[in-house]
Amino acid sequence: MKSGTFENELTVQTHQQKGTTEEFHQAYEAAVETVRDELGGEYPLWISGQPVETDDTFTVTNPGDFDQVIGEFSSGEPTHVDQAVEAASGAFDDWRNTSWEKRAEIFQQAADNIRDRKYELTATMALENGKNRGEAIAEVDEAIDFLQFYSQELERNNGYTFDRGEPTPNQHCTNELLPYGVFGVVTPFNFPLAILAGMTTGAVITGNTAVVKPASTTPLIAHKFIEILNEAGIPDGVVNLVTGGGSSVGQPLIEHEDVVGFAFTGSRRVGLTIQETFQEMGKRGPVVAELGGKNPVIVSDTADLSKAVSGVKLGAFSFSGQKCSATSRVYVHEDVIDSFTERLVEETTELPIGVPENEDTVVSPLIDDSALDRYHKICDLARQDGKVHTGGEQLTDPELPEGRYVQPTVVTDVPHDHELATEEHFLPFVTIHPVSSLDEAITKANDSDYALCAGLFSENQEEIDVWFDRIESGMCYVNRSQSATTGALVHAQPFGGWKFSGTTGKFAGGYWYLPQFMRQQSRTVVGDVGNQ
């Protein structure tokens, strides 16, 4: 088992430091060709270590090239959920009694396996969910980080067993954190490997078993992760994969009487429904959920506008804003708002939009038709109630394959409380609002049901201190030009939110994440008990 100081996997930065960036690009592009040649296969469910075929299947296509079929995937039904939960229940006793050292060893091996296949996995995401190479490799790095960090946390805490000695004479006490049982794990399309790996590992490395349902737009990367776990030595039944729709797989998984806990990343509506269902059914296990954001950025009159424009542009529009952490509303001091807006619009119009495999692509295709419909709807509303400075249209470029390419959109002149500035859109869309003071900006930034990420651009230390003291947000960034609100690193920047952005207040990739998947037991033995 590897131990010691945690170090993030930073593939691109490492190549940059070594002066071997071209090697990275060559390895990535070769992997794209290899993965592209392998697309179009048929993929079953995976239950109790065995493939399970279904009568119905669904087809997944590349969001940036509709002619490219990713694969045909088995469509699970409630009976398959029953089978998977039964398998996970049957594997639970053996798995929870497996030493924490062995569990950590398996996930460390899985991290090594991901590292060995990092370019293949990066290319898979480019073709399946449209993520560009820089963001896709960062996601693979994040998946490795989750597995390594959680393994190290298990070791650092001695498997969460604490010997308290004898607080009173002849009374020996230990405290332990123990697993619950079977967890449902439902993952989103936008981080189909990192969030899948992080939530599944959180549930399973702590001794629980799991039934996993990935987003129906990104099942291929989920199959590859399950394959990696199997190769690392995960026992049959510990992790089961059931692909399919929300009504046929997701809801039956939530409602299954033998599913005692749930890990979920997705919409606020679905996350709260899971909580309500657990309460109504009398389930006592945890719902560990991340539920989105409406992330504000404040640009002070002391800000370096070059940093601010860059941070907002990349925070709002990379991966077409399809992140719960994306920058979505910006409060700019009235003395600099005209200059800031002019520069943001100019730089936004220059952002490369294209197929994710291209080296220069920043703005990726939208994931599905529902996202495209939402884009048209909110852009029409922006033209009606505000001013669209750039964007607002679907891209028609004969040089691009048929896909869901849209323009990044900058909007002003909508009220702070307008639905465009209060609802999460998950699109390349940002609203700009004038403010007369830092106090007004912070008040408006905090005026939201969400509290996931927040950013500030200021060159005044007093302003920074006030902002940190008053901002209501789980993740807070100052003067971050590479992205005002996105791109958290495991361990250094644990990911999670306050208010309706999450259910627990404990963040992924942080010290207090794993204990959420366990319950405490105190054990006391009186006297010197021998082997009689």
Protein backbone atom coordinates (compact mmCIF):
# COMPACT_ATOMS: atom_id res chain seq x y z
CA MET A 1 0.00 0.00 0.00
CA LYS A 2 1.32 3.43 -0.94
CA SER A 3 1.35 5.91 1.91
CA GLY A 4 2.83 9.27 2.80
CA THR A 5 2.07 12.79 1.61
CA PHE A 6 -0.72 12.96 -0.95
CA GLU A 7 0.25 14.25 -4.38
CA ASN A 8 -2.23 15.10 -7.12
CA GLU A 9 -1.98 13.47 -10.52
CA LEU A 10 -1.25 16.43 -12.83
CA THR A 11 -0.62 15.05 -16.30
CA VAL A 12 -0.62 18.24 -18.37
CA GLN A 13 1.30 20.29 -15.80
CA THR A 14 3.92 17.54 -15.54
CA HIS A 15 4.40 17.51 -19.31
CA GLN A 16 4.64 21.30 -19.33
CA GLN A 17 7.31 21.27 -16.62
CA LYS A 18 9.29 18.63 -18.50
CA GLY A 19 8.91 20.38 -21.85
CA THR A 20 7.16 17.33 -23.31
CA THR A 21 3.74 18.81 -24.07
CA GLU A 22 3.88 17.54 -27.64
CA GLU A 23 4.21 13.99 -26.32
CA PHE A 24 0.94 14.48 -24.45
CA HIS A 25 -0.85 15.64 -27.59
CA GLN A 26 0.55 12.78 -29.64
CA ALA A 27 -0.47 10.17 -27.06
CA TYR A 28 -3.96 11.66 -26.83
CA GLU A 29 -4.49 11.81 -30.59
CA ALA A 30 -3.30 8.23 -31.03
CA ALA A 31 -5.74 7.14 -28.32
CA VAL A 32 -8.61 8.95 -30.06
CA GLU A 33 -7.99 6.96 -33.22
CA THR A 34 -7.79 3.69 -31.30
CA VAL A 35 -10.97 4.33 -29.31
CA ARG A 36 -12.83 5.54 -32.40
CA ASP A 37 -12.02 2.29 -34.18
CA GLU A 38 -13.42 0.30 -31.23
CA LEU A 39 -16.77 2.12 -30.99
CA GLY A 40 -20.12 0.58 -31.81
CA GLY A 41 -20.01 -2.47 -29.55
CA GLU A 42 -22.78 -4.03 -27.48
CA TYR A 43 -22.62 -3.70 -23.70
CA PRO A 44 -24.61 -5.75 -21.16
CA LEU A 45 -25.41 -5.04 -17.53
CA TRP A 46 -22.86 -6.29 -15.01
CA ILE A 47 -24.34 -8.12 -12.02
CA SER A 48 -22.52 -10.36 -9.55
CA GLY A 49 -19.45 -10.48 -11.75
CA GLN A 50 -21.37 -11.64 -14.82
CA PRO A 51 -22.71 -9.95 -17.98
CA VAL A 52 -26.50 -9.79 -18.15
CA GLU A 53 -28.23 -9.23 -21.49
CA THR A 54 -31.60 -7.50 -21.73
CA ASP A 55 -34.40 -7.57 -24.28
CA ASP A 56 -34.27 -3.80 -24.76
CA THR A 57 -31.25 -1.68 -25.60
CA PHE A 58 -30.54 1.99 -26.21
CA THR A 59 -28.11 3.65 -28.59
CA VAL A 60 -25.60 6.32 -27.57
CA THR A 61 -24.14 8.67 -30.19
CA ASN A 62 -21.37 11.25 -30.09
CA PRO A 63 -22.92 14.66 -29.18
CA GLY A 64 -20.50 16.31 -31.58
CA ASP A 65 -21.01 13.88 -34.46
CA PHE A 66 -24.37 12.18 -34.72
CA ASP A 67 -23.07 9.73 -37.32
CA GLN A 68 -20.72 8.21 -34.76
CA VAL A 69 -22.37 5.49 -32.66
CA ILE A 70 -20.71 4.98 -29.29
CA GLY A 71 -22.47 1.70 -28.65
CA GLU A 72 -25.63 -0.27 -27.93
CA PHE A 73 -26.31 -0.61 -24.20
CA SER A 74 -28.58 -2.93 -22.29
CA SER A 75 -31.60 -1.16 -20.84
CA GLY A 76 -32.25 -2.38 -17.33
CA GLU A 77 -35.68 -2.88 -15.79
CA PRO A 78 -36.83 -3.08 -12.15
CA THR A 79 -36.19 -6.85 -12.18
CA HIS A 80 -32.54 -6.17 -12.99
CA VAL A 81 -32.35 -3.69 -10.13
CA ASP A 82 -33.69 -6.45 -7.87
CA GLN A 83 -31.02 -8.83 -9.14
CA ALA A 84 -28.25 -6.29 -8.65
CA VAL A 85 -29.36 -5.38 -5.13
CA GLU A 86 -29.61 -9.07 -4.26
CA ALA A 87 -26.06 -9.58 -5.53
CA ALA A 88 -24.80 -6.58 -3.55
CA SER A 89 -26.60 -7.79 -0.43
CA GLY A 90 -25.13 -11.26 -0.82
CA ALA A 91 -21.60 -9.85 -1.15
CA PHE A 92 -21.90 -7.45 1.79
CA ASP A 93 -20.89 -9.68 4.71
CA ASP A 94 -17.73 -10.96 3.08
CA TRP A 95 -16.78 -7.50 1.87
CA ARG A 96 -17.34 -5.71 5.18
CA ASN A 97 -15.23 -8.39 6.87
CA THR A 98 -12.45 -7.92 4.33
CA SER A 99 -9.61 -6.06 6.04
CA TRP A 100 -9.40 -2.36 5.34
CA GLU A 101 -5.85 -2.95 4.14
CA LYS A 102 -7.08 -5.31 1.41
CA ARG A 103 -9.86 -2.94 0.37
CA ALA A 104 -7.41 -0.06 0.09
CA GLU A 105 -5.00 -2.25 -1.86
CA ILE A 106 -7.68 -3.03 -4.45
CA PHE A 107 -8.49 0.64 -4.98
CA GLN A 108 -4.82 1.60 -5.14
CA GLN A 109 -4.43 -1.03 -7.86
CA ALA A 110 -7.46 0.40 -9.64
CA ALA A 111 -5.82 3.84 -9.52
CA ASP A 112 -2.71 2.36 -11.13
CA ASN A 113 -4.90 0.72 -13.79
CA ILE A 114 -6.56 4.05 -14.59
CA ARG A 115 -3.12 5.64 -14.85
CA ASP A 116 -2.06 2.97 -17.32
CA ARG A 117 -5.17 3.65 -19.44
CA LYS A 118 -5.42 7.40 -18.94
CA TYR A 119 -5.21 8.36 -22.62
CA GLU A 120 -7.77 5.75 -23.63
CA LEU A 121 -10.17 7.02 -20.95
CA THR A 122 -9.54 10.64 -21.94
CA ALA A 123 -10.31 9.87 -25.57
CA THR A 124 -13.43 7.93 -24.58
CA MET A 125 -14.82 10.99 -22.83
CA ALA A 126 -14.08 13.20 -25.82
CA LEU A 127 -16.19 10.98 -28.05
CA GLU A 128 -18.91 10.05 -25.56
CA ASN A 129 -19.67 13.32 -23.75
CA GLY A 130 -17.79 15.92 -25.78
CA LYS A 131 -15.14 17.01 -23.26
CA ASN A 132 -12.02 18.60 -24.73
CA ARG A 133 -8.63 17.05 -24.15
CA GLY A 134 -7.46 19.40 -21.40
CA GLU A 135 -10.56 18.96 -19.30
CA ALA A 136 -10.87 15.25 -20.03
CA ILE A 137 -7.32 14.44 -18.94
CA ALA A 138 -7.88 16.55 -15.82
CA GLU A 139 -10.94 14.43 -15.08
CA VAL A 140 -8.98 11.20 -15.43
CA ASP A 141 -6.38 12.68 -13.08
CA GLU A 142 -9.18 13.50 -10.63
CA ALA A 143 -10.44 9.92 -10.72
CA ILE A 144 -6.95 8.68 -9.89
CA ASP A 145 -6.75 11.24 -7.09
CA PHE A 146 -10.04 10.11 -5.55
CA LEU A 147 -8.93 6.47 -5.40
CA GLN A 148 -5.50 7.31 -4.06
CA PHE A 149 -6.66 9.85 -1.50
CA TYR A 150 -9.47 7.70 -0.12
CA SER A 151 -7.09 4.74 0.14
CA GLN A 152 -4.64 6.90 2.06
CA GLU A 153 -7.40 8.22 4.29
CA LEU A 154 -8.39 4.66 5.19
CA GLU A 155 -4.79 4.00 6.15
CA ARG A 156 -4.32 7.31 8.00
CA ASN A 157 -7.36 6.54 10.16
CA ASN A 158 -6.46 2.88 10.70
CA GLY A 159 -9.64 1.78 8.95
CA TYR A 160 -11.60 4.18 11.21
CA THR A 161 -10.98 2.05 14.30
CA PHE A 162 -9.85 4.02 17.35
CA ASP A 163 -8.60 2.39 20.54
CA ARG A 164 -9.48 4.68 23.47
CA GLY A 165 -7.74 2.58 26.09
CA GLU A 166 -9.20 2.45 29.60
CA PRO A 167 -10.89 5.75 30.53
CA THR A 168 -11.76 4.12 33.86
CA PRO A 169 -9.96 1.17 35.44
CA ASN A 170 -10.60 -2.23 33.90
CA GLN A 171 -12.93 -0.87 31.17
CA HIS A 172 -11.43 -1.07 27.66
CA CYS A 173 -13.09 1.08 24.97
CA THR A 174 -12.83 1.23 21.20
CA ASN A 175 -14.72 3.36 18.70
CA GLU A 176 -15.36 2.21 15.14
CA LEU A 177 -17.02 3.41 11.98
CA LEU A 178 -18.82 0.54 10.26
CA PRO A 179 -20.53 0.20 6.84
CA TYR A 180 -24.30 0.32 6.38
CA GLY A 181 -24.95 -2.19 3.58
CA VAL A 182 -26.02 -1.64 -0.04
CA PHE A 183 -25.67 1.84 -1.57
CA GLY A 184 -27.27 3.11 -4.73
CA VAL A 185 -24.89 5.26 -6.78
CA VAL A 186 -26.34 7.45 -9.55
CA THR A 187 -23.86 9.54 -11.53
CA PRO A 188 -24.11 12.43 -14.04
CA PHE A 189 -22.94 12.82 -17.64
CA ASN A 190 -20.67 15.81 -17.11
CA PHE A 191 -17.99 14.08 -15.00
CA PRO A 192 -18.76 10.51 -16.00
CA LEU A 193 -15.49 9.07 -14.70
CA ALA A 194 -14.37 11.28 -11.82
CA ILE A 195 -17.72 11.50 -10.02
CA LEU A 196 -18.47 7.85 -10.77
CA ALA A 197 -15.09 6.82 -9.37
CA GLY A 198 -15.30 9.15 -6.40
CA MET A 199 -18.79 8.24 -5.21
CA THR A 200 -18.41 4.52 -5.88
CA THR A 201 -15.08 4.42 -4.07
CA GLY A 202 -16.48 6.39 -1.15
CA ALA A 203 -19.27 3.87 -0.70
CA VAL A 204 -17.30 0.69 -1.36
CA ILE A 205 -13.85 1.25 0.13
CA THR A 206 -15.57 1.80 3.48
CA GLY A 207 -17.08 -1.69 3.37
CA ASN A 208 -20.45 -1.12 1.71
CA THR A 209 -21.49 -2.69 -1.58
CA ALA A 210 -23.06 -0.82 -4.48
CA VAL A 211 -25.41 -0.80 -7.43
CA VAL A 212 -24.31 1.85 -9.92
CA LYS A 213 -26.47 3.60 -12.52
CA PRO A 214 -24.53 5.95 -14.80
CA ALA A 215 -26.11 8.68 -16.91
CA SER A 216 -27.70 7.18 -20.01
CA THR A 217 -25.65 9.50 -22.23
CA THR A 218 -22.30 8.24 -20.83
CA PRO A 219 -22.47 4.50 -20.09
CA LEU A 220 -19.30 3.48 -21.97
CA ILE A 221 -16.89 5.16 -19.56
CA ALA A 222 -18.82 3.51 -16.70
CA HIS A 223 -18.28 0.08 -18.27
CA LYS A 224 -14.57 0.81 -18.52
CA PHE A 225 -14.41 1.80 -14.85
CA ILE A 226 -16.17 -1.41 -13.78
CA GLU A 227 -13.69 -3.34 -15.94
CA ILE A 228 -10.85 -1.57 -14.14
CA LEU A 229 -12.27 -2.49 -10.72
CA ASN A 230 -12.65 -6.11 -11.80
CA GLU A 231 -9.06 -6.23 -13.01
CA ALA A 232 -7.97 -4.76 -9.67
CA GLY A 233 -9.60 -7.65 -7.83
CA ILE A 234 -12.96 -6.36 -6.61
CA PRO A 235 -15.01 -9.42 -5.58
CA ASP A 236 -18.12 -10.40 -7.53
CA GLY A 237 -21.25 -8.59 -6.39
CA VAL A 238 -19.48 -5.77 -4.57
CA VAL A 239 -20.03 -3.31 -7.44
CA ASN A 240 -22.84 -3.94 -9.93
CA LEU A 241 -23.65 -1.86 -13.02
CA VAL A 242 -27.21 -1.37 -14.28
CA THR A 243 -27.63 0.96 -17.25
CA GLY A 244 -30.99 2.37 -18.29
CA GLY A 245 -33.47 5.14 -17.67
CA GLY A 246 -34.42 6.99 -14.55
CA SER A 247 -37.90 5.52 -14.26
CA SER A 248 -36.87 1.93 -15.01
CA VAL A 249 -33.60 1.84 -13.05
CA GLY A 250 -33.06 4.98 -10.98
CA GLN A 251 -36.42 5.16 -9.22
CA PRO A 252 -36.62 1.42 -8.42
CA LEU A 253 -33.11 1.68 -6.99
CA ILE A 254 -34.12 4.60 -4.76
CA GLU A 255 -37.24 2.78 -3.58
CA HIS A 256 -35.67 -0.64 -3.04
CA GLU A 257 -36.13 -1.70 0.57
CA ASP A 258 -32.64 -3.24 0.75
CA VAL A 259 -30.84 -0.11 -0.46
CA VAL A 260 -29.83 1.59 2.79
CA GLY A 261 -27.80 4.54 1.48
CA PHE A 262 -27.47 6.64 -1.64
CA ALA A 263 -24.78 8.67 -3.40
CA PHE A 264 -26.06 11.04 -6.06
CA THR A 265 -24.90 13.96 -8.17
CA GLY A 266 -27.49 15.74 -10.26
CA SER A 267 -30.44 18.07 -10.08
CA ARG A 268 -31.82 19.58 -6.91
CA ARG A 269 -35.27 18.17 -7.68
CA VAL A 270 -34.09 14.57 -7.96
CA GLY A 271 -31.74 14.82 -5.00
CA LEU A 272 -34.44 16.13 -2.71
CA THR A 273 -36.82 13.47 -3.99
CA ILE A 274 -34.32 10.81 -2.93
CA GLN A 275 -34.16 12.33 0.54
CA GLU A 276 -37.95 12.51 0.79
CA THR A 277 -38.33 8.89 -0.36
CA PHE A 278 -35.82 7.72 2.23
CA GLN A 279 -37.69 9.61 4.94
CA GLU A 280 -41.08 8.30 3.84
CA MET A 281 -39.77 4.72 3.79
CA GLY A 282 -38.12 5.08 7.18
CA LYS A 283 -34.63 4.46 5.82
CA ARG A 284 -31.94 5.57 8.25
CA GLY A 285 -28.95 5.50 5.93
CA PRO A 286 -27.33 8.60 4.42
CA VAL A 287 -28.12 10.42 1.20
CA VAL A 288 -24.80 11.89 0.09
CA ALA A 289 -25.78 14.26 -2.71
CA GLU A 290 -24.39 17.20 -4.66
CA LEU A 291 -27.24 19.18 -6.19
CA GLY A 292 -25.97 21.96 -8.41
CA GLY A 293 -25.14 25.63 -8.22
CA LYS A 294 -25.78 29.14 -9.47
CA ASN A 295 -22.26 30.34 -8.98
CA PRO A 296 -21.60 34.07 -8.53
CA VAL A 297 -18.44 36.01 -9.29
CA ILE A 298 -17.76 39.52 -8.00
CA VAL A 299 -15.52 41.92 -9.91
CA SER A 300 -14.38 44.77 -7.69
CA ASP A 301 -13.33 48.20 -8.92
CA THR A 302 -9.82 47.23 -7.75
CA ALA A 303 -9.79 44.06 -9.87
CA ASP A 304 -7.23 43.23 -12.52
CA LEU A 305 -9.67 43.07 -15.43
CA SER A 306 -7.44 40.79 -17.48
CA LYS A 307 -7.65 38.16 -14.73
CA ALA A 308 -11.38 38.75 -14.26
CA VAL A 309 -12.27 38.46 -17.93
CA SER A 310 -10.20 35.31 -18.33
CA GLY A 311 -11.62 33.70 -15.19
CA VAL A 312 -15.24 34.45 -16.06
CA LYS A 313 -14.83 33.45 -19.71
CA LEU A 314 -13.32 30.06 -18.91
CA GLY A 315 -15.47 29.47 -15.84
CA ALA A 316 -18.67 30.10 -17.77
CA PHE A 317 -17.96 28.61 -21.20
CA SER A 318 -15.47 25.74 -21.03
CA PHE A 319 -17.29 22.44 -21.68
CA SER A 320 -20.20 24.69 -22.67
CA GLY A 321 -20.99 25.53 -19.06
CA GLN A 322 -22.18 21.97 -18.42
CA LYS A 323 -20.87 21.91 -14.86
CA CYS A 324 -22.56 22.54 -11.56
CA SER A 325 -19.52 24.69 -10.74
CA ALA A 326 -19.75 26.87 -13.86
CA THR A 327 -19.72 30.65 -13.50
CA SER A 328 -23.27 31.81 -14.18
CA ARG A 329 -23.80 35.33 -12.76
CA VAL A 330 -21.30 38.16 -12.39
CA TYR A 331 -21.63 41.25 -10.20
CA VAL A 332 -19.36 44.01 -11.51
CA HIS A 333 -18.67 47.37 -9.89
CA GLU A 334 -20.39 50.11 -11.86
CA ASP A 335 -17.11 51.97 -12.39
CA VAL A 336 -15.61 49.10 -14.41
CA ILE A 337 -18.65 47.23 -15.77
CA ASP A 338 -18.55 48.79 -19.24
CA SER A 339 -14.89 47.98 -19.73
CA PHE A 340 -15.28 44.50 -18.25
CA THR A 341 -18.30 43.66 -20.39
CA GLU A 342 -16.72 44.96 -23.59
CA ARG A 343 -13.59 42.89 -23.01
CA LEU A 344 -15.54 39.78 -22.00
CA VAL A 345 -17.70 39.96 -25.12
CA GLU A 346 -14.66 40.45 -27.34
CA GLU A 347 -12.80 37.48 -25.85
CA THR A 348 -15.92 35.29 -25.82
CA THR A 349 -16.43 35.76 -29.55
CA GLU A 350 -12.88 34.45 -30.07
CA LEU A 351 -13.37 31.22 -28.12
CA PRO A 352 -12.91 28.18 -30.38
CA ILE A 353 -16.09 26.11 -30.77
CA GLY A 354 -15.64 22.68 -32.26
CA VAL A 355 -15.19 18.96 -32.00
CA PRO A 356 -13.62 18.11 -28.66
CA GLU A 357 -10.77 16.12 -30.22
CA ASN A 358 -9.33 19.32 -31.72
CA GLU A 359 -6.45 20.74 -29.73
CA ASP A 360 -7.81 24.29 -29.59
CA THR A 361 -11.48 23.54 -28.78
CA VAL A 362 -12.82 25.26 -25.64
CA VAL A 363 -16.60 25.31 -26.20
CA SER A 364 -17.86 21.74 -26.64
CA PRO A 365 -21.14 20.38 -28.04
CA LEU A 366 -24.18 20.11 -25.76
CA ILE A 367 -24.88 16.64 -24.40
CA ASP A 368 -28.45 16.03 -25.61
CA ASP A 369 -31.55 17.47 -27.24
CA SER A 370 -33.00 18.55 -23.90
CA ALA A 371 -29.97 20.77 -23.30
CA LEU A 372 -30.30 22.24 -26.79
CA ASP A 373 -33.99 23.00 -26.22
CA ARG A 374 -33.15 24.74 -22.92
CA TYR A 375 -30.49 26.79 -24.67
CA HIS A 376 -32.94 28.07 -27.28
CA LYS A 377 -35.52 28.82 -24.59
CA ILE A 378 -33.29 30.88 -22.31
CA CYS A 379 -31.68 32.76 -25.21
CA ASP A 380 -35.13 33.73 -26.51
CA LEU A 381 -36.02 34.91 -23.00
CA ALA A 382 -32.77 36.88 -22.78
CA ARG A 383 -33.55 38.68 -26.03
CA GLN A 384 -37.04 39.44 -24.74
CA ASP A 385 -36.14 40.67 -21.24
CA GLY A 386 -32.51 41.74 -21.51
CA LYS A 387 -29.68 42.35 -23.96
CA VAL A 388 -27.69 39.60 -25.66
CA HIS A 389 -24.22 40.97 -26.39
CA THR A 390 -22.89 37.87 -28.09
CA GLY A 391 -24.09 34.32 -28.71
CA GLY A 392 -27.64 33.08 -28.43
CA GLU A 393 -27.59 31.00 -31.60
CA GLN A 394 -26.95 27.42 -32.62
CA LEU A 395 -23.81 27.16 -34.71
CA THR A 396 -24.19 26.23 -38.36
CA ASP A 397 -20.76 25.52 -39.80
CA PRO A 398 -20.41 23.26 -42.85
CA GLU A 399 -16.92 22.30 -41.66
CA LEU A 400 -18.33 20.78 -38.46
CA PRO A 401 -20.06 17.38 -38.29
CA GLU A 402 -23.72 17.34 -37.36
CA GLY A 403 -23.86 17.93 -33.61
CA ARG A 404 -25.19 20.25 -30.92
CA TYR A 405 -22.83 23.20 -31.25
CA VAL A 406 -23.99 26.52 -29.78
CA GLN A 407 -22.48 29.95 -29.18
CA PRO A 408 -21.39 31.06 -25.70
CA THR A 409 -23.76 33.78 -24.59
CA VAL A 410 -23.24 36.98 -22.57
CA VAL A 411 -26.36 38.79 -21.31
CA THR A 412 -26.94 42.08 -19.48
CA ASP A 413 -29.93 44.19 -18.45
CA VAL A 414 -31.86 41.46 -16.65
CA PRO A 415 -32.78 42.02 -13.00
CA HIS A 416 -30.85 40.23 -10.29
CA ASP A 417 -33.97 38.24 -9.37
CA HIS A 418 -34.86 37.28 -12.95
CA GLU A 419 -35.08 33.54 -13.60
CA LEU A 420 -32.14 33.80 -15.98
CA ALA A 421 -30.03 34.89 -13.02
CA THR A 422 -31.52 32.56 -10.39
CA GLU A 423 -32.06 29.16 -12.05
CA GLU A 424 -29.32 26.70 -12.93
CA HIS A 425 -29.09 26.28 -16.71
CA PHE A 426 -26.07 24.00 -17.28
CA LEU A 427 -25.33 25.86 -20.51
CA PRO A 428 -22.77 28.37 -21.90
CA PHE A 429 -24.72 31.34 -20.61
CA VAL A 430 -23.75 34.10 -18.19
CA THR A 431 -25.51 37.22 -16.91
CA ILE A 432 -23.70 40.44 -15.93
CA HIS A 433 -25.08 42.79 -13.25
CA PRO A 434 -23.91 46.22 -12.05
CA VAL A 435 -23.30 46.91 -8.34
CA SER A 436 -22.24 50.06 -6.53
CA SER A 437 -20.32 48.45 -3.66
CA LEU A 438 -18.78 45.23 -2.39
CA ASP A 439 -21.52 45.05 0.22
CA GLU A 440 -24.23 45.09 -2.45
CA ALA A 441 -22.34 42.50 -4.50
CA ILE A 442 -21.96 40.08 -1.58
CA THR A 443 -25.60 40.51 -0.57
CA LYS A 444 -26.75 39.67 -4.10
CA ALA A 445 -24.26 36.84 -4.47
CA ASN A 446 -25.64 35.26 -1.29
CA ASP A 447 -29.25 35.75 -2.41
CA SER A 448 -29.62 32.23 -3.83
CA ASP A 449 -30.86 28.81 -2.81
CA TYR A 450 -27.53 27.46 -4.05
CA ALA A 451 -24.10 27.91 -2.48
CA LEU A 452 -21.62 25.73 -4.35
CA CYS A 453 -18.85 27.94 -5.76
CA ALA A 454 -18.07 31.64 -5.66
CA GLY A 455 -15.32 33.84 -7.07
CA LEU A 456 -13.89 37.26 -6.38
CA PHE A 457 -11.54 39.46 -8.38
CA SER A 458 -9.95 42.14 -6.22
CA GLU A 459 -6.48 43.52 -5.57
CA ASN A 460 -7.47 44.85 -2.13
CA GLN A 461 -6.70 42.59 0.83
CA GLU A 462 -9.37 44.14 3.02
CA GLU A 463 -11.99 43.41 0.36
CA ILE A 464 -10.75 39.83 0.11
CA ASP A 465 -10.95 39.36 3.88
CA VAL A 466 -14.49 40.77 4.01
CA TRP A 467 -15.56 38.56 1.12
CA PHE A 468 -14.20 35.38 2.71
CA ASP A 469 -15.93 36.30 5.97
CA ARG A 470 -19.34 36.95 4.43
CA ILE A 471 -19.66 34.83 1.29
CA GLU A 472 -22.01 31.85 1.57
CA SER A 473 -20.37 29.18 -0.52
CA GLY A 474 -18.69 25.83 -0.13
CA MET A 475 -15.80 26.61 -2.49
CA CYS A 476 -14.33 30.09 -2.68
CA TYR A 477 -11.73 31.35 -5.18
CA VAL A 478 -9.94 34.70 -5.40
CA ASN A 479 -8.28 36.05 -8.57
CA ARG A 480 -8.39 32.70 -10.35
CA SER A 481 -7.78 33.57 -14.00
CA GLN A 482 -7.72 29.94 -15.22
CA SER A 483 -11.38 29.67 -14.15
CA ALA A 484 -13.27 31.78 -11.68
CA THR A 485 -15.26 28.90 -10.15
CA THR A 486 -14.34 25.53 -11.70
CA GLY A 487 -11.47 23.03 -11.53
CA ALA A 488 -11.19 21.89 -7.90
CA LEU A 489 -8.33 19.58 -6.92
CA VAL A 490 -8.85 16.55 -4.67
CA HIS A 491 -7.49 17.12 -1.15
CA ALA A 492 -6.45 20.74 -1.73
CA GLN A 493 -9.90 21.98 -2.80
CA PRO A 494 -12.59 19.51 -1.61
CA PHE A 495 -15.73 19.76 -3.74
CA GLY A 496 -19.15 20.47 -2.24
CA GLY A 497 -21.64 23.15 -1.35
CA TRP A 498 -23.93 24.72 1.23
CA LYS A 499 -27.69 25.31 1.18
CA PHE A 500 -29.41 23.36 -1.63
CA SER A 501 -26.10 22.63 -3.34
CA GLY A 502 -25.60 19.57 -1.17
CA THR A 503 -27.14 17.45 1.55
CA THR A 504 -24.33 16.86 4.03
CA GLY A 505 -21.90 19.79 4.20
CA LYS A 506 -19.02 17.31 3.81
CA PHE A 507 -17.14 17.56 0.54
CA ALA A 508 -15.81 15.04 -1.98
CA GLY A 509 -12.05 14.73 -1.91
CA GLY A 510 -11.84 16.01 1.65
CA TYR A 511 -11.02 14.59 5.07
CA TRP A 512 -14.65 14.21 6.16
CA TYR A 513 -16.06 12.53 3.06
CA LEU A 514 -15.54 8.83 3.82
CA PRO A 515 -17.13 8.87 7.33
CA GLN A 516 -20.46 9.78 5.69
CA PHE A 517 -20.68 6.23 4.33
CA MET A 518 -20.35 4.65 7.78
CA ARG A 519 -22.05 4.64 11.17
CA GLN A 520 -20.38 4.72 14.54
CA GLN A 521 -20.26 2.00 17.16
CA SER A 522 -18.59 2.25 20.56
CA ARG A 523 -17.38 -1.01 22.11
CA THR A 524 -16.63 -1.58 25.76
CA VAL A 525 -15.21 -4.71 27.37
CA VAL A 526 -14.98 -4.89 31.16
CA GLY A 527 -12.33 -7.06 32.72
CA ASP A 528 -9.50 -9.13 31.35
CA VAL A 529 -11.24 -11.58 29.03
CA GLY A 530 -9.01 -14.51 28.13
CA ASN A 531 -9.43 -17.28 25.60
CA GLN A 532 -11.59 -19.53 27.74
